[in-house]
Amino acid sequence: MKKLFFVIPLMLSACASVTPQQFTTQNGKVGYTLTCSEFNTSWEQCQTKAGALCSQGYEVDKQQSYTEHFPDSGDGIYRPANNHLTVICKNPG
């Protein structure tokens, strides 16, 4: 029964496929860090969401973008990796 309480929140968190966090750079540009679960979101879908947030296009911050892998806990529960894509929106003009 205890495992059920652990699995349900984990499943619900995996359903939130793309979660953007907005920030502002030192230059005043808007950027986003998007967390995309591999449970139900491809890397391309994550990039598409970034394109929708940055209507004039974006540049990827390669130093801040990464894939977060989770170790096998040995209890039969698999947690898919999360991709963290950090983008800086291009200014209109």
N, C-alpha and C. Protein backbone atom coordinates (compact mmCIF):
# COMPACT_ATOMS: atom_id res chain seq x y z
N MET A 1 0.81 -1.19 0.00
CA MET A 1 0.00 0.00 0.00
C MET A 1 0.87 1.27 0.00
N LYS A 2 2.02 1.23 0.70
CA LYS A 2 2.89 2.40 0.74
C LYS A 2 3.41 2.75 -0.64
N LYS A 3 3.70 1.73 -1.46
CA LYS A 3 4.20 1.99 -2.81
C LYS A 3 3.17 2.72 -3.65
N LEU A 4 1.89 2.44 -3.43
CA LEU A 4 0.83 3.08 -4.19
C LEU A 4 0.85 4.60 -3.97
N PHE A 5 1.08 5.04 -2.74
CA PHE A 5 1.15 6.47 -2.46
C PHE A 5 2.34 7.13 -3.12
N PHE A 6 3.40 6.38 -3.37
CA PHE A 6 4.58 6.89 -4.04
C PHE A 6 4.37 6.93 -5.56
N VAL A 7 3.75 5.92 -6.11
CA VAL A 7 3.59 5.79 -7.55
C VAL A 7 2.60 6.81 -8.11
N ILE A 8 1.52 7.07 -7.42
CA ILE A 8 0.49 7.99 -7.94
C ILE A 8 1.05 9.39 -8.16
N PRO A 9 1.74 10.02 -7.18
CA PRO A 9 2.31 11.35 -7.46
C PRO A 9 3.35 11.32 -8.57
N LEU A 10 4.12 10.23 -8.65
CA LEU A 10 5.11 10.11 -9.71
C LEU A 10 4.43 10.07 -11.07
N MET A 11 3.34 9.33 -11.19
CA MET A 11 2.62 9.26 -12.45
C MET A 11 2.01 10.61 -12.81
N LEU A 12 1.46 11.31 -11.83
CA LEU A 12 0.86 12.60 -12.10
C LEU A 12 1.90 13.63 -12.53
N SER A 13 3.09 13.58 -11.93
CA SER A 13 4.14 14.53 -12.31
C SER A 13 4.64 14.24 -13.72
N ALA A 14 4.62 12.99 -14.14
CA ALA A 14 5.08 12.64 -15.48
C ALA A 14 4.09 13.11 -16.54
N CYS A 15 2.84 13.33 -16.19
CA CYS A 15 1.85 13.77 -17.15
C CYS A 15 2.05 15.24 -17.55
N ALA A 16 2.71 16.00 -16.73
CA ALA A 16 3.01 17.40 -17.06
C ALA A 16 4.18 17.38 -18.02
N SER A 17 3.90 17.29 -19.31
CA SER A 17 4.93 16.98 -20.29
C SER A 17 5.94 18.10 -20.52
N VAL A 18 5.51 19.35 -20.59
CA VAL A 18 6.43 20.47 -20.81
C VAL A 18 6.12 21.56 -19.78
N THR A 19 7.09 21.87 -18.96
CA THR A 19 6.91 22.88 -17.93
C THR A 19 7.91 24.01 -18.16
N PRO A 20 7.47 25.19 -18.63
CA PRO A 20 8.40 26.30 -18.84
C PRO A 20 8.53 27.19 -17.60
N GLN A 21 9.74 27.65 -17.35
CA GLN A 21 10.02 28.63 -16.29
C GLN A 21 10.64 29.85 -16.97
N GLN A 22 9.98 30.98 -16.90
CA GLN A 22 10.47 32.20 -17.54
C GLN A 22 11.54 32.87 -16.68
N PHE A 23 12.52 33.50 -17.34
CA PHE A 23 13.52 34.29 -16.64
C PHE A 23 13.94 35.45 -17.54
N THR A 24 14.65 36.40 -16.97
CA THR A 24 15.17 37.55 -17.73
C THR A 24 16.68 37.55 -17.61
N THR A 25 17.37 37.71 -18.74
CA THR A 25 18.83 37.72 -18.74
C THR A 25 19.33 39.07 -18.23
N GLN A 26 20.64 39.17 -18.02
CA GLN A 26 21.25 40.43 -17.59
C GLN A 26 21.09 41.51 -18.65
N ASN A 27 20.94 41.09 -19.92
CA ASN A 27 20.74 42.03 -21.03
C ASN A 27 19.28 42.42 -21.20
N GLY A 28 18.40 41.92 -20.35
CA GLY A 28 16.98 42.25 -20.43
C GLY A 28 16.18 41.39 -21.40
N LYS A 29 16.79 40.34 -21.94
CA LYS A 29 16.06 39.44 -22.84
C LYS A 29 15.29 38.41 -22.03
N VAL A 30 14.17 37.98 -22.60
CA VAL A 30 13.35 36.95 -21.97
C VAL A 30 13.87 35.59 -22.38
N GLY A 31 13.90 34.69 -21.44
CA GLY A 31 14.31 33.32 -21.72
C GLY A 31 13.42 32.35 -20.98
N TYR A 32 13.56 31.09 -21.32
CA TYR A 32 12.77 30.04 -20.68
C TYR A 32 13.65 28.81 -20.47
N THR A 33 13.43 28.16 -19.34
CA THR A 33 13.96 26.82 -19.13
C THR A 33 12.76 25.90 -19.17
N LEU A 34 12.76 24.99 -20.14
CA LEU A 34 11.64 24.06 -20.31
C LEU A 34 12.06 22.69 -19.82
N THR A 35 11.28 22.11 -18.94
CA THR A 35 11.51 20.76 -18.46
C THR A 35 10.53 19.85 -19.19
N CYS A 36 11.08 18.89 -19.92
CA CYS A 36 10.27 18.02 -20.76
C CYS A 36 10.52 16.56 -20.37
N SER A 37 9.52 15.90 -19.85
CA SER A 37 9.64 14.51 -19.45
C SER A 37 9.66 13.61 -20.68
N GLU A 38 10.60 12.68 -20.74
CA GLU A 38 10.64 11.72 -21.85
C GLU A 38 9.51 10.70 -21.74
N PHE A 39 8.74 10.76 -20.65
CA PHE A 39 7.62 9.85 -20.47
C PHE A 39 6.63 9.99 -21.61
N ASN A 40 6.33 11.23 -22.00
CA ASN A 40 5.35 11.44 -23.07
C ASN A 40 5.68 12.63 -23.95
N THR A 41 6.94 13.09 -23.96
CA THR A 41 7.31 14.25 -24.76
C THR A 41 8.64 14.00 -25.45
N SER A 42 8.69 14.22 -26.74
CA SER A 42 9.95 14.09 -27.46
C SER A 42 10.74 15.39 -27.37
N TRP A 43 12.02 15.33 -27.68
CA TRP A 43 12.87 16.52 -27.69
C TRP A 43 12.33 17.54 -28.69
N GLU A 44 11.79 17.06 -29.81
CA GLU A 44 11.23 17.95 -30.83
C GLU A 44 10.00 18.69 -30.30
N GLN A 45 9.17 18.02 -29.52
CA GLN A 45 8.00 18.68 -28.93
C GLN A 45 8.44 19.76 -27.94
N CYS A 46 9.51 19.52 -27.23
CA CYS A 46 10.05 20.51 -26.31
C CYS A 46 10.54 21.74 -27.09
N GLN A 47 11.21 21.51 -28.21
CA GLN A 47 11.68 22.62 -29.05
C GLN A 47 10.51 23.37 -29.68
N THR A 48 9.46 22.66 -30.05
CA THR A 48 8.27 23.30 -30.61
C THR A 48 7.62 24.22 -29.58
N LYS A 49 7.57 23.79 -28.33
CA LYS A 49 7.01 24.62 -27.26
C LYS A 49 7.87 25.87 -27.07
N ALA A 50 9.19 25.73 -27.15
CA ALA A 50 10.09 26.88 -27.05
C ALA A 50 9.81 27.86 -28.18
N GLY A 51 9.57 27.34 -29.39
CA GLY A 51 9.25 28.19 -30.53
C GLY A 51 7.93 28.93 -30.34
N ALA A 52 6.97 28.29 -29.70
CA ALA A 52 5.69 28.94 -29.44
C ALA A 52 5.83 30.05 -28.39
N LEU A 53 6.71 29.85 -27.42
CA LEU A 53 6.93 30.86 -26.39
C LEU A 53 7.73 32.05 -26.92
N CYS A 54 8.64 31.78 -27.85
CA CYS A 54 9.50 32.83 -28.43
C CYS A 54 9.08 33.02 -29.89
N SER A 55 8.11 33.88 -30.12
CA SER A 55 7.52 34.03 -31.45
C SER A 55 8.51 34.53 -32.51
N GLN A 56 9.59 35.21 -32.09
CA GLN A 56 10.59 35.72 -33.05
C GLN A 56 11.78 34.77 -33.18
N GLY A 57 11.67 33.59 -32.60
CA GLY A 57 12.75 32.61 -32.62
C GLY A 57 13.55 32.65 -31.33
N TYR A 58 14.50 31.75 -31.21
CA TYR A 58 15.29 31.65 -29.97
C TYR A 58 16.66 31.07 -30.26
N GLU A 59 17.54 31.26 -29.30
CA GLU A 59 18.85 30.64 -29.31
C GLU A 59 18.93 29.70 -28.11
N VAL A 60 19.50 28.52 -28.31
CA VAL A 60 19.64 27.55 -27.23
C VAL A 60 20.87 27.90 -26.40
N ASP A 61 20.71 27.94 -25.09
CA ASP A 61 21.83 28.12 -24.17
C ASP A 61 22.38 26.72 -23.88
N LYS A 62 23.43 26.33 -24.60
CA LYS A 62 23.96 24.97 -24.49
C LYS A 62 24.60 24.70 -23.14
N GLN A 63 25.04 25.72 -22.45
CA GLN A 63 25.65 25.52 -21.13
C GLN A 63 24.60 25.19 -20.07
N GLN A 64 23.37 25.64 -20.27
CA GLN A 64 22.31 25.44 -19.28
C GLN A 64 21.35 24.31 -19.66
N SER A 65 21.44 23.78 -20.88
CA SER A 65 20.55 22.70 -21.33
C SER A 65 21.22 21.35 -21.04
N TYR A 66 20.42 20.41 -20.54
CA TYR A 66 20.97 19.10 -20.21
C TYR A 66 19.85 18.07 -20.07
N THR A 67 20.25 16.80 -20.00
CA THR A 67 19.31 15.70 -19.77
C THR A 67 19.56 15.16 -18.38
N GLU A 68 18.51 15.03 -17.61
CA GLU A 68 18.58 14.53 -16.24
C GLU A 68 18.14 13.07 -16.23
N HIS A 69 19.08 12.17 -15.92
CA HIS A 69 18.78 10.74 -15.86
C HIS A 69 18.58 10.33 -14.41
N PHE A 70 17.71 9.37 -14.19
CA PHE A 70 17.42 8.88 -12.85
C PHE A 70 17.90 7.44 -12.75
N PRO A 71 18.62 7.09 -11.69
CA PRO A 71 19.14 5.73 -11.55
C PRO A 71 18.02 4.72 -11.30
N ASP A 72 18.29 3.47 -11.65
CA ASP A 72 17.35 2.39 -11.39
C ASP A 72 17.36 2.12 -9.89
N SER A 73 16.21 2.24 -9.27
CA SER A 73 16.14 2.05 -7.82
C SER A 73 16.08 0.58 -7.42
N GLY A 74 15.91 -0.29 -8.40
CA GLY A 74 15.87 -1.72 -8.11
C GLY A 74 14.53 -2.24 -7.64
N ASP A 75 13.54 -1.36 -7.58
CA ASP A 75 12.22 -1.80 -7.10
C ASP A 75 11.23 -2.00 -8.25
N GLY A 76 11.71 -1.97 -9.47
CA GLY A 76 10.84 -2.20 -10.63
C GLY A 76 10.14 -0.96 -11.14
N ILE A 77 10.36 0.18 -10.51
CA ILE A 77 9.73 1.42 -10.96
C ILE A 77 10.74 2.19 -11.80
N TYR A 78 10.37 2.45 -13.04
CA TYR A 78 11.24 3.17 -13.96
C TYR A 78 10.80 4.62 -14.05
N ARG A 79 11.73 5.53 -13.91
CA ARG A 79 11.42 6.96 -14.07
C ARG A 79 12.15 7.47 -15.30
N PRO A 80 11.41 7.91 -16.31
CA PRO A 80 12.04 8.40 -17.53
C PRO A 80 12.86 9.67 -17.27
N ALA A 81 13.80 9.90 -18.15
CA ALA A 81 14.66 11.08 -18.04
C ALA A 81 13.87 12.36 -18.30
N ASN A 82 14.40 13.47 -17.79
CA ASN A 82 13.87 14.80 -18.08
C ASN A 82 14.88 15.56 -18.91
N ASN A 83 14.41 16.20 -19.97
CA ASN A 83 15.26 17.10 -20.76
C ASN A 83 15.01 18.51 -20.27
N HIS A 84 16.09 19.25 -20.06
CA HIS A 84 15.99 20.65 -19.64
C HIS A 84 16.57 21.49 -20.77
N LEU A 85 15.71 22.21 -21.46
CA LEU A 85 16.09 23.04 -22.59
C LEU A 85 16.00 24.49 -22.16
N THR A 86 17.13 25.20 -22.22
CA THR A 86 17.16 26.62 -21.86
C THR A 86 17.35 27.43 -23.13
N VAL A 87 16.42 28.37 -23.36
CA VAL A 87 16.45 29.19 -24.59
C VAL A 87 16.38 30.66 -24.22
N ILE A 88 16.97 31.49 -25.08
CA ILE A 88 16.89 32.93 -24.98
C ILE A 88 16.12 33.42 -26.19
N CYS A 89 15.02 34.11 -25.98
CA CYS A 89 14.19 34.59 -27.09
C CYS A 89 14.90 35.72 -27.84
N LYS A 90 14.75 35.70 -29.17
CA LYS A 90 15.28 36.78 -29.99
C LYS A 90 14.32 37.96 -29.91
N ASN A 91 14.88 39.15 -29.91
CA ASN A 91 14.05 40.36 -29.88
C ASN A 91 13.43 40.61 -31.24
N PRO A 92 12.21 41.12 -31.29
CA PRO A 92 11.60 41.47 -32.58
C PRO A 92 12.37 42.62 -33.22
N GLY A 93 12.38 42.58 -34.54
CA GLY A 93 13.02 43.69 -35.23
C GLY A 93 13.89 43.27 -36.25
